[in-house]
Structure formats: structure tokens, C-alpha cells
N, C-alpha and C. Protein backbone atom coordinates (compact mmCIF):
# COMPACT_ATOMS: atom_id res chain seq x y z
N SER A 1 11.56 43.25 -23.22
CA SER A 1 10.57 43.31 -22.14
C SER A 1 10.63 44.68 -21.46
N TRP A 2 9.50 45.13 -20.93
CA TRP A 2 9.44 46.43 -20.28
C TRP A 2 10.17 46.44 -18.95
N LEU A 3 10.59 45.27 -18.45
CA LEU A 3 11.36 45.21 -17.20
C LEU A 3 12.83 44.88 -17.45
N ALA A 4 13.26 44.90 -18.69
CA ALA A 4 14.61 44.44 -19.04
C ALA A 4 15.71 45.14 -18.27
N ASP A 5 15.57 46.42 -17.98
CA ASP A 5 16.63 47.16 -17.31
C ASP A 5 16.44 47.25 -15.80
N GLU A 6 15.42 46.62 -15.27
CA GLU A 6 15.12 46.72 -13.84
C GLU A 6 15.54 45.42 -13.15
N PRO A 7 16.63 45.44 -12.37
CA PRO A 7 17.05 44.20 -11.71
C PRO A 7 16.07 43.83 -10.60
N GLY A 8 15.82 42.55 -10.48
CA GLY A 8 14.97 42.06 -9.40
C GLY A 8 15.80 41.86 -8.15
N ALA A 9 15.13 41.55 -7.06
CA ALA A 9 15.83 41.33 -5.79
C ALA A 9 16.82 40.18 -5.91
N VAL A 10 16.41 39.10 -6.54
CA VAL A 10 17.30 37.94 -6.68
C VAL A 10 18.53 38.31 -7.49
N GLN A 11 18.34 39.05 -8.59
CA GLN A 11 19.47 39.46 -9.42
C GLN A 11 20.42 40.37 -8.63
N SER A 12 19.87 41.25 -7.81
CA SER A 12 20.71 42.14 -7.00
C SER A 12 21.53 41.34 -6.00
N LEU A 13 20.91 40.34 -5.38
CA LEU A 13 21.63 39.49 -4.43
C LEU A 13 22.70 38.67 -5.15
N GLU A 14 22.35 38.13 -6.31
CA GLU A 14 23.32 37.35 -7.09
C GLU A 14 24.49 38.21 -7.56
N ALA A 15 24.25 39.51 -7.74
CA ALA A 15 25.30 40.43 -8.18
C ALA A 15 26.19 40.87 -7.02
N GLY A 16 25.88 40.42 -5.80
CA GLY A 16 26.75 40.71 -4.67
C GLY A 16 26.16 41.53 -3.55
N ALA A 17 24.94 42.00 -3.68
CA ALA A 17 24.32 42.75 -2.58
C ALA A 17 24.14 41.82 -1.39
N ASP A 18 24.42 42.33 -0.20
CA ASP A 18 24.24 41.53 1.01
C ASP A 18 22.82 41.61 1.54
N LEU A 19 22.15 42.73 1.24
CA LEU A 19 20.81 42.97 1.76
C LEU A 19 20.06 43.83 0.74
N VAL A 20 18.82 43.49 0.46
CA VAL A 20 18.00 44.31 -0.43
C VAL A 20 16.65 44.55 0.22
N THR A 21 16.05 45.67 -0.12
CA THR A 21 14.68 45.95 0.30
C THR A 21 13.86 46.20 -0.96
N PHE A 22 12.61 45.81 -0.90
CA PHE A 22 11.74 46.03 -2.05
C PHE A 22 10.29 46.04 -1.59
N SER A 23 9.45 46.51 -2.47
CA SER A 23 8.03 46.64 -2.18
C SER A 23 7.32 45.32 -2.39
N GLY A 24 6.50 44.96 -1.44
CA GLY A 24 5.73 43.73 -1.58
C GLY A 24 4.61 43.83 -2.60
N ASP A 25 4.15 45.06 -2.85
CA ASP A 25 3.02 45.21 -3.77
C ASP A 25 3.44 45.55 -5.19
N LYS A 26 4.38 46.43 -5.36
CA LYS A 26 4.64 46.97 -6.70
C LYS A 26 5.13 45.91 -7.68
N LEU A 27 6.32 45.40 -7.51
CA LEU A 27 6.84 44.43 -8.48
C LEU A 27 6.69 42.99 -8.03
N LEU A 28 6.50 42.77 -6.73
CA LEU A 28 6.28 41.42 -6.25
C LEU A 28 4.85 40.98 -6.57
N GLY A 29 3.93 41.96 -6.52
CA GLY A 29 2.54 41.65 -6.83
C GLY A 29 1.76 41.14 -5.64
N GLY A 30 2.25 41.40 -4.44
CA GLY A 30 1.57 40.96 -3.23
C GLY A 30 0.96 42.12 -2.48
N PRO A 31 0.82 41.97 -1.17
CA PRO A 31 0.22 43.04 -0.37
C PRO A 31 1.18 44.21 -0.19
N GLN A 32 0.63 45.35 0.17
CA GLN A 32 1.48 46.52 0.43
C GLN A 32 2.32 46.23 1.67
N ALA A 33 3.62 46.17 1.46
CA ALA A 33 4.55 45.84 2.55
C ALA A 33 5.97 46.12 2.08
N GLY A 34 6.84 46.34 3.02
CA GLY A 34 8.26 46.41 2.72
C GLY A 34 8.88 45.05 3.01
N VAL A 35 9.75 44.59 2.14
CA VAL A 35 10.38 43.28 2.30
C VAL A 35 11.88 43.47 2.38
N ILE A 36 12.51 42.78 3.32
CA ILE A 36 13.96 42.79 3.48
C ILE A 36 14.44 41.37 3.19
N ALA A 37 15.42 41.23 2.30
CA ALA A 37 15.94 39.91 1.95
C ALA A 37 17.45 39.99 1.84
N GLY A 38 18.10 38.87 2.10
CA GLY A 38 19.55 38.82 1.96
C GLY A 38 20.18 37.85 2.93
N ARG A 39 21.42 38.17 3.31
CA ARG A 39 22.15 37.30 4.24
C ARG A 39 21.38 37.16 5.54
N ALA A 40 21.26 35.93 6.00
CA ALA A 40 20.44 35.64 7.18
C ALA A 40 20.88 36.46 8.40
N ASP A 41 22.20 36.63 8.59
CA ASP A 41 22.66 37.37 9.77
C ASP A 41 22.25 38.84 9.70
N LEU A 42 22.22 39.41 8.50
CA LEU A 42 21.82 40.81 8.36
C LEU A 42 20.31 40.98 8.51
N VAL A 43 19.55 40.04 7.95
CA VAL A 43 18.10 40.10 8.13
C VAL A 43 17.77 39.96 9.61
N GLU A 44 18.45 39.05 10.29
CA GLU A 44 18.24 38.86 11.74
C GLU A 44 18.58 40.13 12.50
N ALA A 45 19.65 40.81 12.10
CA ALA A 45 20.03 42.06 12.77
C ALA A 45 18.94 43.11 12.61
N CYS A 46 18.28 43.12 11.48
CA CYS A 46 17.17 44.07 11.26
C CYS A 46 16.02 43.80 12.23
N THR A 47 15.78 42.54 12.54
CA THR A 47 14.68 42.22 13.45
C THR A 47 14.97 42.67 14.87
N ALA A 48 16.25 42.88 15.17
CA ALA A 48 16.63 43.32 16.51
C ALA A 48 16.61 44.84 16.66
N HIS A 49 16.43 45.56 15.56
CA HIS A 49 16.41 47.02 15.60
C HIS A 49 15.16 47.49 16.36
N PRO A 50 15.26 48.59 17.12
CA PRO A 50 14.11 49.08 17.88
C PRO A 50 12.87 49.39 17.01
N LEU A 51 13.07 49.75 15.76
CA LEU A 51 11.92 50.04 14.89
C LEU A 51 11.20 48.78 14.41
N ALA A 52 11.84 47.63 14.55
CA ALA A 52 11.27 46.40 14.00
C ALA A 52 9.88 46.11 14.56
N ARG A 53 9.68 46.34 15.83
CA ARG A 53 8.38 46.06 16.44
C ARG A 53 7.29 46.94 15.82
N ALA A 54 7.61 48.20 15.58
CA ALA A 54 6.62 49.12 15.01
C ALA A 54 6.35 48.83 13.54
N LEU A 55 7.32 48.26 12.85
CA LEU A 55 7.20 48.06 11.40
C LEU A 55 6.85 46.63 11.00
N ARG A 56 6.73 45.75 11.97
CA ARG A 56 6.48 44.34 11.60
C ARG A 56 5.08 44.19 11.00
N PRO A 57 4.95 43.28 10.05
CA PRO A 57 3.65 43.07 9.40
C PRO A 57 2.70 42.27 10.27
N GLY A 58 1.42 42.48 10.06
CA GLY A 58 0.41 41.71 10.76
C GLY A 58 0.20 40.36 10.12
N GLY A 59 -0.65 39.57 10.73
CA GLY A 59 -0.90 38.21 10.26
C GLY A 59 -1.48 38.14 8.86
N LEU A 60 -2.40 39.05 8.52
CA LEU A 60 -2.99 39.02 7.18
C LEU A 60 -1.96 39.34 6.10
N VAL A 61 -1.09 40.32 6.39
CA VAL A 61 -0.04 40.67 5.43
C VAL A 61 0.91 39.49 5.26
N MET A 62 1.28 38.85 6.36
CA MET A 62 2.18 37.70 6.27
C MET A 62 1.54 36.56 5.48
N ALA A 63 0.25 36.31 5.70
CA ALA A 63 -0.44 35.25 4.96
C ALA A 63 -0.47 35.56 3.46
N ALA A 64 -0.74 36.82 3.12
CA ALA A 64 -0.77 37.21 1.71
C ALA A 64 0.62 37.11 1.09
N LEU A 65 1.66 37.56 1.81
CA LEU A 65 3.03 37.43 1.31
C LEU A 65 3.41 35.97 1.10
N GLN A 66 2.99 35.11 2.04
CA GLN A 66 3.29 33.69 1.91
C GLN A 66 2.63 33.11 0.66
N LYS A 67 1.38 33.50 0.40
CA LYS A 67 0.69 32.99 -0.78
C LYS A 67 1.41 33.41 -2.06
N VAL A 68 1.85 34.66 -2.11
CA VAL A 68 2.57 35.15 -3.28
C VAL A 68 3.92 34.45 -3.40
N ALA A 69 4.63 34.29 -2.29
CA ALA A 69 5.93 33.62 -2.31
C ALA A 69 5.79 32.18 -2.81
N LEU A 70 4.75 31.49 -2.37
CA LEU A 70 4.53 30.12 -2.83
C LEU A 70 4.24 30.07 -4.33
N ALA A 71 3.50 31.05 -4.83
CA ALA A 71 3.24 31.11 -6.27
C ALA A 71 4.55 31.27 -7.04
N TYR A 72 5.46 32.10 -6.52
CA TYR A 72 6.77 32.25 -7.16
C TYR A 72 7.55 30.94 -7.10
N LEU A 73 7.56 30.30 -5.94
CA LEU A 73 8.29 29.03 -5.81
C LEU A 73 7.75 27.97 -6.76
N GLU A 74 6.44 27.98 -6.95
CA GLU A 74 5.80 27.01 -7.85
C GLU A 74 5.81 27.48 -9.30
N ARG A 75 6.43 28.65 -9.54
CA ARG A 75 6.51 29.24 -10.88
C ARG A 75 5.12 29.37 -11.53
N ASP A 76 4.18 29.84 -10.72
CA ASP A 76 2.80 30.01 -11.17
C ASP A 76 2.47 31.49 -11.21
N GLY A 77 3.04 32.19 -12.19
CA GLY A 77 2.83 33.63 -12.31
C GLY A 77 1.38 34.00 -12.52
N LEU A 78 0.60 33.12 -13.14
CA LEU A 78 -0.81 33.43 -13.37
C LEU A 78 -1.62 33.47 -12.07
N ALA A 79 -1.07 32.92 -10.99
CA ALA A 79 -1.75 32.98 -9.69
C ALA A 79 -1.60 34.36 -9.04
N ILE A 80 -0.71 35.18 -9.59
CA ILE A 80 -0.45 36.51 -9.04
C ILE A 80 -1.13 37.52 -9.97
N PRO A 81 -2.20 38.18 -9.49
CA PRO A 81 -2.96 39.08 -10.37
C PRO A 81 -2.09 40.11 -11.10
N PHE A 82 -1.12 40.70 -10.40
CA PHE A 82 -0.27 41.69 -11.06
C PHE A 82 0.41 41.12 -12.30
N TRP A 83 1.03 39.95 -12.16
CA TRP A 83 1.76 39.37 -13.29
C TRP A 83 0.81 38.88 -14.37
N ARG A 84 -0.36 38.38 -13.96
CA ARG A 84 -1.35 37.96 -14.95
C ARG A 84 -1.75 39.16 -15.81
N MET A 85 -1.99 40.31 -15.15
CA MET A 85 -2.39 41.52 -15.89
C MET A 85 -1.23 42.10 -16.70
N ALA A 86 -0.04 42.08 -16.13
CA ALA A 86 1.11 42.71 -16.78
C ALA A 86 1.58 41.95 -18.01
N THR A 87 1.32 40.65 -18.06
CA THR A 87 1.89 39.83 -19.14
C THR A 87 0.88 39.36 -20.18
N ILE A 88 -0.38 39.71 -20.00
CA ILE A 88 -1.37 39.28 -21.00
C ILE A 88 -1.03 39.91 -22.35
N PRO A 89 -1.03 39.14 -23.42
CA PRO A 89 -0.69 39.68 -24.74
C PRO A 89 -1.69 40.76 -25.19
N VAL A 90 -1.18 41.78 -25.86
CA VAL A 90 -2.03 42.87 -26.36
C VAL A 90 -3.12 42.31 -27.28
N ALA A 91 -2.80 41.30 -28.06
CA ALA A 91 -3.79 40.70 -28.97
C ALA A 91 -5.00 40.18 -28.19
N ASP A 92 -4.76 39.60 -27.02
CA ASP A 92 -5.86 39.11 -26.19
C ASP A 92 -6.72 40.28 -25.69
N LEU A 93 -6.06 41.38 -25.33
CA LEU A 93 -6.79 42.56 -24.87
C LEU A 93 -7.63 43.15 -26.01
N ARG A 94 -7.07 43.18 -27.21
CA ARG A 94 -7.82 43.68 -28.38
C ARG A 94 -9.06 42.82 -28.63
N THR A 95 -8.89 41.51 -28.52
CA THR A 95 -10.02 40.59 -28.72
C THR A 95 -11.12 40.87 -27.71
N ARG A 96 -10.75 41.08 -26.46
CA ARG A 96 -11.75 41.41 -25.44
C ARG A 96 -12.43 42.73 -25.74
N ALA A 97 -11.65 43.74 -26.15
CA ALA A 97 -12.22 45.06 -26.45
C ALA A 97 -13.21 44.95 -27.60
N GLU A 98 -12.85 44.21 -28.63
CA GLU A 98 -13.76 44.02 -29.78
C GLU A 98 -15.04 43.32 -29.35
N ALA A 99 -14.93 42.37 -28.42
CA ALA A 99 -16.11 41.66 -27.93
C ALA A 99 -17.02 42.57 -27.10
N ILE A 100 -16.43 43.51 -26.38
CA ILE A 100 -17.22 44.42 -25.55
C ILE A 100 -17.93 45.45 -26.42
N GLU A 101 -17.19 46.11 -27.30
CA GLU A 101 -17.76 47.17 -28.15
C GLU A 101 -16.84 47.38 -29.35
N PRO A 102 -17.11 46.70 -30.45
CA PRO A 102 -16.20 46.72 -31.60
C PRO A 102 -15.77 48.10 -32.08
N GLY A 103 -16.67 49.04 -32.11
CA GLY A 103 -16.34 50.36 -32.63
C GLY A 103 -15.47 51.20 -31.71
N LEU A 104 -15.29 50.75 -30.48
CA LEU A 104 -14.52 51.54 -29.51
C LEU A 104 -13.18 50.91 -29.15
N ALA A 105 -12.87 49.75 -29.72
CA ALA A 105 -11.60 49.08 -29.40
C ALA A 105 -10.44 49.92 -29.91
N GLY A 106 -9.39 50.02 -29.10
CA GLY A 106 -8.22 50.78 -29.51
C GLY A 106 -7.00 50.45 -28.69
N ASP A 107 -5.84 50.78 -29.22
CA ASP A 107 -4.59 50.55 -28.51
C ASP A 107 -4.30 51.70 -27.55
N THR A 108 -3.59 51.38 -26.48
CA THR A 108 -3.19 52.37 -25.49
C THR A 108 -1.90 51.88 -24.84
N VAL A 109 -1.47 52.53 -23.79
CA VAL A 109 -0.31 52.07 -23.02
C VAL A 109 -0.67 52.10 -21.54
N ALA A 110 -0.14 51.15 -20.80
CA ALA A 110 -0.30 51.10 -19.35
C ALA A 110 1.00 51.56 -18.72
N THR A 111 0.92 52.20 -17.57
CA THR A 111 2.12 52.65 -16.86
C THR A 111 2.16 51.97 -15.50
N PRO A 112 3.08 51.03 -15.31
CA PRO A 112 3.13 50.28 -14.05
C PRO A 112 3.83 51.03 -12.93
N GLY A 113 3.32 50.85 -11.74
CA GLY A 113 4.03 51.24 -10.53
C GLY A 113 4.41 52.68 -10.32
N GLY A 114 3.94 53.59 -11.11
CA GLY A 114 4.21 55.01 -10.89
C GLY A 114 5.67 55.30 -10.63
N GLY A 115 6.03 55.56 -9.38
CA GLY A 115 7.39 55.90 -9.01
C GLY A 115 8.36 54.73 -9.08
N THR A 116 7.83 53.51 -9.11
CA THR A 116 8.70 52.34 -9.16
C THR A 116 9.40 52.21 -10.50
N LEU A 117 8.67 52.47 -11.56
CA LEU A 117 9.22 52.36 -12.92
C LEU A 117 8.87 53.61 -13.71
N PRO A 118 9.43 54.76 -13.32
CA PRO A 118 9.06 56.01 -14.00
C PRO A 118 9.39 55.96 -15.49
N GLY A 119 8.42 56.39 -16.29
CA GLY A 119 8.63 56.44 -17.73
C GLY A 119 8.41 55.14 -18.47
N VAL A 120 8.21 54.04 -17.76
CA VAL A 120 8.01 52.75 -18.41
C VAL A 120 6.56 52.64 -18.88
N GLU A 121 6.38 52.16 -20.09
CA GLU A 121 5.04 51.96 -20.63
C GLU A 121 4.92 50.53 -21.16
N ILE A 122 3.75 49.93 -20.94
CA ILE A 122 3.47 48.59 -21.45
C ILE A 122 2.41 48.73 -22.54
N PRO A 123 2.65 48.23 -23.74
CA PRO A 123 1.61 48.28 -24.77
C PRO A 123 0.34 47.60 -24.25
N SER A 124 -0.80 48.19 -24.54
CA SER A 124 -2.06 47.67 -24.04
C SER A 124 -3.17 47.96 -25.03
N ALA A 125 -4.37 47.57 -24.69
CA ALA A 125 -5.55 47.83 -25.52
C ALA A 125 -6.76 47.93 -24.62
N GLY A 126 -7.78 48.59 -25.13
CA GLY A 126 -8.99 48.74 -24.35
C GLY A 126 -10.06 49.43 -25.16
N LEU A 127 -10.87 50.20 -24.47
CA LEU A 127 -11.97 50.92 -25.10
C LEU A 127 -11.65 52.40 -25.09
N VAL A 128 -11.85 53.06 -26.21
CA VAL A 128 -11.56 54.48 -26.35
C VAL A 128 -12.87 55.17 -26.75
N VAL A 129 -13.40 55.98 -25.82
CA VAL A 129 -14.68 56.65 -26.03
C VAL A 129 -14.43 58.15 -26.18
N PRO A 130 -14.82 58.75 -27.30
CA PRO A 130 -14.60 60.19 -27.46
C PRO A 130 -15.25 60.99 -26.32
N GLY A 131 -14.52 61.98 -25.81
CA GLY A 131 -15.01 62.83 -24.73
C GLY A 131 -14.56 62.34 -23.37
N ASP A 132 -14.80 63.16 -22.36
CA ASP A 132 -14.43 62.82 -20.98
C ASP A 132 -15.66 62.29 -20.25
N HIS A 133 -15.68 60.99 -20.01
CA HIS A 133 -16.79 60.33 -19.32
C HIS A 133 -16.35 59.77 -17.97
N THR A 134 -15.20 60.19 -17.48
CA THR A 134 -14.65 59.59 -16.26
C THR A 134 -15.54 59.82 -15.05
N VAL A 135 -16.14 60.99 -14.92
CA VAL A 135 -16.99 61.27 -13.75
C VAL A 135 -18.20 60.34 -13.75
N VAL A 136 -18.83 60.16 -14.90
CA VAL A 136 -20.00 59.29 -15.00
C VAL A 136 -19.61 57.84 -14.71
N LEU A 137 -18.50 57.39 -15.29
CA LEU A 137 -18.07 56.00 -15.07
C LEU A 137 -17.71 55.75 -13.61
N ARG A 138 -17.06 56.70 -12.96
CA ARG A 138 -16.70 56.53 -11.55
C ARG A 138 -17.90 56.57 -10.63
N ALA A 139 -18.96 57.25 -11.06
CA ALA A 139 -20.17 57.35 -10.24
C ALA A 139 -21.07 56.12 -10.41
N GLY A 140 -20.75 55.24 -11.34
CA GLY A 140 -21.57 54.06 -11.58
C GLY A 140 -21.45 53.03 -10.48
N ASP A 141 -22.26 51.98 -10.58
CA ASP A 141 -22.23 50.89 -9.62
C ASP A 141 -22.08 49.58 -10.39
N PRO A 142 -20.88 49.02 -10.42
CA PRO A 142 -19.67 49.46 -9.72
C PRO A 142 -18.99 50.60 -10.48
N PRO A 143 -18.15 51.34 -9.77
CA PRO A 143 -17.40 52.41 -10.45
C PRO A 143 -16.41 51.81 -11.46
N ILE A 144 -16.26 52.46 -12.58
CA ILE A 144 -15.28 52.07 -13.59
C ILE A 144 -14.22 53.17 -13.61
N ILE A 145 -12.98 52.79 -13.38
CA ILE A 145 -11.89 53.76 -13.36
C ILE A 145 -11.27 53.81 -14.75
N ALA A 146 -11.29 54.99 -15.32
CA ALA A 146 -10.73 55.22 -16.66
C ALA A 146 -9.88 56.48 -16.60
N ARG A 147 -9.22 56.78 -17.71
CA ARG A 147 -8.43 58.01 -17.78
C ARG A 147 -8.72 58.71 -19.11
N VAL A 148 -8.41 59.98 -19.15
CA VAL A 148 -8.62 60.75 -20.38
C VAL A 148 -7.27 60.91 -21.08
N VAL A 149 -7.24 60.54 -22.35
CA VAL A 149 -6.05 60.67 -23.18
C VAL A 149 -6.47 61.37 -24.47
N GLU A 150 -5.86 62.52 -24.72
CA GLU A 150 -6.12 63.28 -25.95
C GLU A 150 -7.62 63.45 -26.21
N GLY A 151 -8.36 63.81 -25.16
CA GLY A 151 -9.78 64.11 -25.31
C GLY A 151 -10.71 62.92 -25.34
N SER A 152 -10.19 61.72 -25.14
CA SER A 152 -11.04 60.52 -25.13
C SER A 152 -10.88 59.78 -23.81
N THR A 153 -11.95 59.13 -23.38
CA THR A 153 -11.91 58.30 -22.18
C THR A 153 -11.38 56.93 -22.56
N VAL A 154 -10.36 56.46 -21.83
CA VAL A 154 -9.74 55.17 -22.12
C VAL A 154 -9.97 54.23 -20.94
N VAL A 155 -10.58 53.09 -21.23
CA VAL A 155 -10.70 52.00 -20.25
C VAL A 155 -9.68 50.96 -20.67
N ASP A 156 -8.58 50.89 -19.92
CA ASP A 156 -7.48 49.98 -20.25
C ASP A 156 -7.83 48.59 -19.74
N LEU A 157 -8.04 47.66 -20.65
CA LEU A 157 -8.45 46.31 -20.24
C LEU A 157 -7.33 45.52 -19.57
N ARG A 158 -6.10 46.01 -19.62
CA ARG A 158 -5.02 45.34 -18.89
C ARG A 158 -5.30 45.38 -17.39
N THR A 159 -6.08 46.36 -16.96
CA THR A 159 -6.36 46.53 -15.53
C THR A 159 -7.74 46.01 -15.14
N VAL A 160 -8.40 45.33 -16.05
CA VAL A 160 -9.75 44.81 -15.79
C VAL A 160 -9.72 43.29 -15.88
N HIS A 161 -10.22 42.61 -14.85
CA HIS A 161 -10.30 41.15 -14.89
C HIS A 161 -11.33 40.76 -15.96
N PRO A 162 -11.03 39.75 -16.77
CA PRO A 162 -11.97 39.35 -17.82
C PRO A 162 -13.39 39.07 -17.32
N ASP A 163 -13.52 38.58 -16.10
CA ASP A 163 -14.85 38.33 -15.54
C ASP A 163 -15.66 39.61 -15.39
N ASP A 164 -14.97 40.76 -15.37
CA ASP A 164 -15.65 42.05 -15.22
C ASP A 164 -15.99 42.71 -16.55
N ASP A 165 -15.64 42.08 -17.66
CA ASP A 165 -15.94 42.66 -18.97
C ASP A 165 -17.43 42.98 -19.16
N PRO A 166 -18.36 42.11 -18.72
CA PRO A 166 -19.78 42.46 -18.87
C PRO A 166 -20.16 43.74 -18.11
N LEU A 167 -19.54 43.97 -16.96
CA LEU A 167 -19.82 45.19 -16.20
C LEU A 167 -19.31 46.42 -16.95
N VAL A 168 -18.14 46.28 -17.56
CA VAL A 168 -17.59 47.38 -18.36
C VAL A 168 -18.49 47.63 -19.57
N ALA A 169 -18.93 46.57 -20.22
CA ALA A 169 -19.81 46.71 -21.39
C ALA A 169 -21.10 47.44 -21.01
N GLU A 170 -21.67 47.07 -19.88
CA GLU A 170 -22.90 47.71 -19.42
C GLU A 170 -22.67 49.20 -19.15
N ALA A 171 -21.57 49.52 -18.47
CA ALA A 171 -21.27 50.92 -18.15
C ALA A 171 -21.02 51.73 -19.42
N ILE A 172 -20.29 51.17 -20.36
CA ILE A 172 -20.02 51.88 -21.62
C ILE A 172 -21.33 52.06 -22.40
N GLY A 173 -22.18 51.04 -22.37
CA GLY A 173 -23.46 51.12 -23.05
C GLY A 173 -24.36 52.22 -22.51
N ARG A 174 -24.24 52.50 -21.21
CA ARG A 174 -25.05 53.56 -20.59
C ARG A 174 -24.59 54.96 -21.00
N LEU A 175 -23.40 55.07 -21.56
CA LEU A 175 -22.90 56.39 -21.96
C LEU A 175 -23.66 56.94 -23.16
N GLY A 176 -24.30 56.04 -23.92
CA GLY A 176 -25.10 56.48 -25.06
C GLY A 176 -24.27 56.77 -26.21
């Protein structure tokens, strides 16, 4: 697995850490937030720090974190968009790419979390269009975010919800 060498918060606590911090959005798959977990007395001490008031999350962030936490408790990874996208089999992505535009289907790699997992790549698939069409795709309605790899525009379907495939097909079709 592409996360094999990256310990999670639970694994760090089980290995003896008293307190861990992690990103609510990057690997948890929730809202952008910092999360502190560990021994109750240490977490409580953090809430008493003078910075706690300035750094506390708002109600919407707490509601979103709660929804993600409940999905984890219920072991429903598919309810978390990040995990749904990160774990979809490449074969499924290839099938979608072929359905959108058979002649443009191709393999690629996704890079999760930027600084969170530097150098990590996830095998992926999508549409590969010769030339740089990123400006045109981003100017569309809705904008399609793609990247240029070795002179071709790549739309990585790992980052596109299947319900949006018709929008991607329409945008690619407009490229001529």
C-alpha cells in the first residue's frame, strides 16, 4: 500500500506516544483543521493554554470532524470522499476513462497530500490529451483542473467524482 510506511495517529499512540497532532484534512479526510489526540490529561492541558481560544475550531468545522469521526467508527471509508478517491481500483478508473473517451484513456499517477507524503505516488488512470489544454479547461464552466505531463494534458479520474464524468466528457469534447 502507498501508506505502508506512514504511521497513523492510532498506531503512534499504540506505540507509546502520549500526544499526537495531525491534519484533519490531509490523511483524515475531513475539514482543514489541526487535531490533538492522546492522553486525556494532556489534551485537557492543551485546552488551558492561552492560544487555545484563538485556535479553537468553529461549529461547522466541529460538525464536519464529527461526521468524519463517525464514519471511521462505523468503518465506512466510502463515506469519506478522500478515502473513496484514494482507494478506488485503477481498473475502475480505466473503465471510466474508456467510457468518457476511449482513444484518450491512459495510466498516470496521483500524488496525495503534497508535503504530507512527499514522493508518494498512487497508480491512477484518466484522460491523456496531447498538448497543453489546461488554460482552456480551467476557463470552462465548470472549470476542469488538469495537469501537463510530458507535453500532454492529464485529467486524473481519481480526483473526479463519477457523477462528474459527463462534465469532463463535454469539456474534453470541446477541445476538438
